[in-house]
Amino acid sequence: MKLKQTRIRTTTKLLSGIENNSNFVLGTKLTEDIQKKLMDTFEVEEIKADILIFPPPFLGIMSERNSIGEYIAQTDKPKETAYRAQEWELDDWGGYPHSGTSYVPYKRYPRKFIEPKEMKLVTTLTSADEMFLLINKFFKNNEQDQSDIKFAANLMLEIFGEVEAFNLDNENNIIEIKPIETVNWEILPPGERIWEAFRNNEKVNVSRSEQTLIKERFDFIEQFKPDSVRKGIGGYTGYLIFEFKDKNMFIFDSIIYGDATYIFEDSWEHVSKMTKKEIINQNLAKDRIIHNKGWKRSLRKHLENN
């Protein structure tokens, strides 16, 4: 059944035409309105089959959870020390004012990280020459898949305002969703300021104090003259990778995911294909440096001792 609304709480109506334990896909037909949305929001220049899109996190809460994940406070556990940016101003003994921005410790409940789903959209052409925009995942109408089905449906509704479940049978003629290579990173041109590289529609949803410290972090890393700086696109929007070839080292940081800086030692071929889950998995990174007052000292050890 096709739904046109803002979100769903259950999948009952959506799956009314899907038999139990049968396979199906979620998406919508590529109408003129959907095509316009693809061109305006995702800068798709030509509508054709096999376009893969990773929705950026700034389209709404579902897009944010899909590409970044989320934290849930664990209120049943003791509070821990965390850090947040805060501007300050004070007068010295001579009455002269001083001001600045720094990370200030505070107590909060531990947060459980819910990994991003990382669902993508793909344009698909059927054997009947009809074009569809689908979530690039096959679903089964059973209890185990209900959570992902509802998530994917709400992602479609958030972005396009409509979603439909399609049976995988000869009548619909929906062809197999093929794996498609996609580019998640683009190199910033030499001389382009990192902060200015993010377009106006890529909103930085952080406080002014946090923005000040983010800029300071980027400026500090640039002092060590990285060989290249790449910014994430699509679902990787907000992430930056600084490459140091002689050290075989990549530094990941973000303007929207501001807990820590991640350091990897690997080939670009492998690093460029890492999922968001792999980037933030502490076990895969060589080091995870928390954004606090000791950040510069900890990062300097990697940049100077390699």
Foldseek 3Di string as FASTA:
>chain_A
DKAFAQADDFCCVQCVPPDAFAKWWKFFFCDPLNVVLCCPVVVDPDDDFWDKFFAALLLDDLSVCQLQFDWDFDVVDFKDKAWDKDKDWDADPVRHIDIDIFIDIDIGGDIDTGHHNRWMWGWFAFPVRTIIITTLDMDGRDPVCGVVVRSRQNVNCSRPSMMHIGGPDPVVRTDHRDDDDDFFKDWDPPPDQPVVVDDPSLDQPDDPRLVVVVSVVVVLVCVLPFPIKIATPGSRHFKIWGHHVVLQKIWIAGSHPQFWIFMARDDCVVVRPDGSVLRPPCVHTPDTAGPHPCRSVVVVCSSPVD
